[in-house]
Each structure stands twice: as C-alpha cells, then as structure tokens.
Amino acid sequence: MAISATVALWFLPFVLPLCFYVAFTDMKQMRITNQAVVLLGVIFVVIGLIVLPFDVYLWRLMSLIIVLAVGILLNAAGVMGAGDAKFAAAAAPFIALGDLRLLMALFMATLLAAAATHRAAKYSPLRRLAPEWQSWQETKKFPMGLALGTTLALYLILGALYGR
C-alpha cells in the first residue's frame, strides 16, 4: 500500500523541519543527534496513531525495530555511522511498504545529488560561508544525514502531492 496524501500532509509539517535540522547538523558536526532521532520517533508514535489504521500503525512500528537491527549490524561492520542507522530506523515507519522501490530510487538519486553537491561546495567559494563545518574537514567521510533527511523530506512531499 502506498502512502496517502492525507497521511503525508499530517506528517510533513512536523518532519520537514527535523529533516533540515538533521542535514544541517550532520554537515556541521558530522553527527545526527539522539534528540533528533527520538523526536522523529515520537512524531510517528503520536501522529501515526491518529492518522493510520491501528494494524498498519503496528506494522510500521515493527519496521523501526527491523531497520534498527539491520542498522546496528551495518554500523558494527563499519558500513554506516550509528546516527545514520538510528535515523534510518526512526524514519522507517513513515514509509509505506508499497513505496519501497520508489524510496530506493529516490534515495539513490538523492545520495548522488547530495554527494556531488557537497563535494562541489567543499571545493568552491561557498565553503567560506561555513568554514568550520566538520564535513569540509573530513576527507573520506560523507554526512549521510544530508541524503537521509532529504530523502525522507522528498518522500513525504511527493506523497502529499501524488499520494493515493
């Protein structure tokens, strides 16, 4: 089942500022704060209970647990950061299972665009706007919160515009 426009519209005003915050803090500090992750989870728990059928709500909460378990394994293997894994887990309940293919395509496009934009800005005069950002200093790491937050925001915006 794909996300409905009504559900996306309910989530969007609460989640969108948080997605911007996650992208910003990950670029500035190379970390996604626990407070942001917890708040994202709380938003789903409260708003999801209001706008989703109870069985769908419970299955989506289960996706949080599954994605968190996979994220912990990927973090232990050194594939992704702990903040990235926690954010992905907290974001998972917002995604309708029927939209998984769309989400993967959206994430890949967003990841490529974010990486290209971040690297281009890093080596351009734009860097002077925020010279202290940790993501400029890191040579091998990339602030995945930029791509993760943008993907969730775009998914909900697309859901609000084109959802069933």
Protein backbone atom coordinates (compact mmCIF):
# COMPACT_ATOMS: atom_id res chain seq x y z
CA MET A 1 0.00 0.00 0.00
CA ALA A 2 1.37 3.43 -0.98
CA ILE A 3 1.28 6.46 1.26
CA SER A 4 -1.86 8.56 1.09
CA ALA A 5 -1.70 12.29 0.52
CA THR A 6 -3.62 12.90 3.74
CA VAL A 7 -1.17 10.89 5.86
CA ALA A 8 1.82 12.60 4.23
CA LEU A 9 0.25 16.01 4.85
CA TRP A 10 -0.21 15.19 8.53
CA PHE A 11 3.44 14.16 8.94
CA LEU A 12 5.05 16.80 6.74
CA PRO A 13 4.87 19.94 8.94
CA PHE A 14 6.45 18.07 11.86
CA VAL A 15 9.02 16.02 9.94
CA LEU A 16 10.24 18.58 7.38
CA PRO A 17 11.97 20.93 9.88
CA LEU A 18 13.55 17.91 11.55
CA CYS A 19 14.92 16.68 8.20
CA PHE A 20 16.52 20.09 7.63
CA TYR A 21 17.97 20.01 11.13
CA VAL A 22 19.45 16.54 10.61
CA ALA A 23 21.03 17.55 7.29
CA PHE A 24 22.45 20.72 8.85
CA THR A 25 23.88 19.13 12.00
CA ASP A 26 25.41 16.26 10.06
CA MET A 27 27.15 18.67 7.71
CA LYS A 28 28.25 20.96 10.55
CA GLN A 29 29.19 18.40 13.22
CA MET A 30 29.29 15.09 11.33
CA ARG A 31 26.69 13.69 13.71
CA ILE A 32 22.97 13.13 13.89
CA THR A 33 21.82 13.92 17.41
CA ASN A 34 19.93 11.43 19.53
CA GLN A 35 17.36 14.15 20.29
CA ALA A 36 16.52 14.46 16.59
CA VAL A 37 16.15 10.70 16.24
CA VAL A 38 13.97 10.40 19.35
CA LEU A 39 11.81 13.34 18.24
CA LEU A 40 11.31 11.74 14.83
CA GLY A 41 10.18 8.55 16.55
CA VAL A 42 7.84 10.45 18.87
CA ILE A 43 6.30 12.29 15.91
CA PHE A 44 5.46 8.96 14.30
CA VAL A 45 4.14 7.43 17.53
CA VAL A 46 1.79 10.36 18.19
CA ILE A 47 0.68 11.39 14.68
CA GLY A 48 0.72 7.84 13.30
CA LEU A 49 -1.70 6.72 15.98
CA ILE A 50 -4.11 9.43 14.84
CA VAL A 51 -3.87 9.05 11.04
CA LEU A 52 -3.13 5.38 10.39
CA PRO A 53 -5.30 2.31 10.88
CA PHE A 54 -4.09 0.53 14.01
CA ASP A 55 -2.84 -2.62 12.22
CA VAL A 56 -0.84 -0.51 9.72
CA TYR A 57 0.49 1.56 12.62
CA LEU A 58 1.77 -1.55 14.42
CA TRP A 59 3.41 -2.96 11.27
CA ARG A 60 5.15 0.34 10.67
CA LEU A 61 6.43 0.36 14.24
CA MET A 62 7.78 -3.13 13.56
CA SER A 63 9.72 -1.70 10.60
CA LEU A 64 11.50 0.62 13.05
CA ILE A 65 12.76 -2.39 15.01
CA ILE A 66 13.81 -4.29 11.88
CA VAL A 67 15.67 -1.34 10.34
CA LEU A 68 17.35 -0.61 13.67
CA ALA A 69 18.59 -4.22 13.93
CA VAL A 70 19.96 -4.11 10.37
CA GLY A 71 21.47 -0.68 11.05
CA ILE A 72 23.24 -1.93 14.17
CA LEU A 73 24.77 -4.76 12.13
CA LEU A 74 25.84 -2.36 9.37
CA ASN A 75 27.32 0.00 11.95
CA ALA A 76 29.23 -2.85 13.58
CA ALA A 77 30.58 -3.79 10.15
CA GLY A 78 31.72 -0.19 9.62
CA VAL A 79 29.38 0.38 6.69
CA MET A 80 27.42 3.26 8.24
CA GLY A 81 27.52 5.55 11.23
CA ALA A 82 25.45 4.96 14.35
CA GLY A 83 23.49 8.19 13.87
CA ASP A 84 22.70 7.23 10.29
CA ALA A 85 21.44 3.82 11.43
CA LYS A 86 19.29 5.35 14.17
CA PHE A 87 17.86 7.98 11.83
CA ALA A 88 17.03 5.37 9.19
CA ALA A 89 15.25 3.30 11.85
CA ALA A 90 13.26 6.29 13.12
CA ALA A 91 12.36 7.24 9.54
CA ALA A 92 11.29 3.71 8.56
CA PRO A 93 7.74 3.90 9.99
CA PHE A 94 6.96 6.88 7.78
CA ILE A 95 7.50 4.77 4.66
CA ALA A 96 4.66 2.70 3.24
CA LEU A 97 5.78 -0.81 2.32
CA GLY A 98 4.33 -0.44 -1.18
CA ASP A 99 6.63 2.51 -1.79
CA LEU A 100 9.89 0.68 -1.07
CA ARG A 101 11.02 0.61 -4.72
CA LEU A 102 10.22 4.29 -5.11
CA LEU A 103 12.08 5.04 -1.89
CA MET A 104 15.20 3.15 -3.01
CA ALA A 105 15.26 5.03 -6.33
CA LEU A 106 14.64 8.32 -4.54
CA PHE A 107 17.40 7.59 -2.02
CA MET A 108 19.92 6.68 -4.71
CA ALA A 109 19.18 9.84 -6.70
CA THR A 110 19.29 11.95 -3.55
CA LEU A 111 22.53 10.34 -2.39
CA LEU A 112 24.23 11.00 -5.72
CA ALA A 113 22.96 14.60 -5.82
CA ALA A 114 23.92 15.22 -2.18
CA ALA A 115 27.42 13.78 -2.63
CA ALA A 116 28.04 15.77 -5.81
CA THR A 117 26.66 18.99 -4.32
CA HIS A 118 28.53 18.59 -1.03
CA ARG A 119 31.84 17.89 -2.74
CA ALA A 120 31.35 20.73 -5.23
CA ALA A 121 30.56 23.16 -2.41
CA LYS A 122 33.52 21.89 -0.39
CA TYR A 123 35.93 22.93 -3.13
CA SER A 124 34.18 26.16 -4.11
CA PRO A 125 33.97 29.65 -2.60
CA LEU A 126 30.72 28.54 -0.91
CA ARG A 127 32.90 26.85 1.69
CA ARG A 128 33.74 30.29 3.09
CA LEU A 129 30.14 30.62 4.31
CA ALA A 130 30.74 27.92 6.93
CA PRO A 131 34.48 27.23 7.12
CA GLU A 132 34.23 25.45 10.49
CA TRP A 133 31.92 22.66 9.31
CA GLN A 134 33.31 19.24 10.15
CA SER A 135 32.13 17.77 6.84
CA TRP A 136 34.54 20.05 4.99
CA GLN A 137 37.44 18.79 7.13
CA GLU A 138 36.70 15.08 6.69
CA THR A 139 38.43 13.60 3.65
CA LYS A 140 36.80 10.18 3.50
CA LYS A 141 33.52 10.51 5.39
CA PHE A 142 30.31 11.92 3.95
CA PRO A 143 27.45 13.41 6.01
CA MET A 144 24.77 10.83 5.21
CA GLY A 145 22.22 12.86 7.19
CA LEU A 146 22.17 15.21 4.20
CA ALA A 147 20.94 12.40 1.95
CA LEU A 148 18.80 10.62 4.56
CA GLY A 149 16.98 13.75 5.72
CA THR A 150 16.45 14.96 2.16
CA THR A 151 15.12 11.57 1.09
CA LEU A 152 12.53 11.45 3.87
CA ALA A 153 11.50 15.05 3.19
CA LEU A 154 11.15 14.44 -0.56
CA TYR A 155 9.24 11.20 0.03
CA LEU A 156 6.66 12.96 2.21
CA ILE A 157 6.43 15.92 -0.18
CA LEU A 158 5.86 13.56 -3.13
CA GLY A 159 3.35 11.64 -1.04
CA ALA A 160 1.48 14.85 -0.23
CA LEU A 161 1.41 15.85 -3.90
CA TYR A 162 0.86 12.50 -5.61
CA GLY A 163 -0.19 10.04 -2.89
CA ARG A 164 -3.15 7.77 -3.40
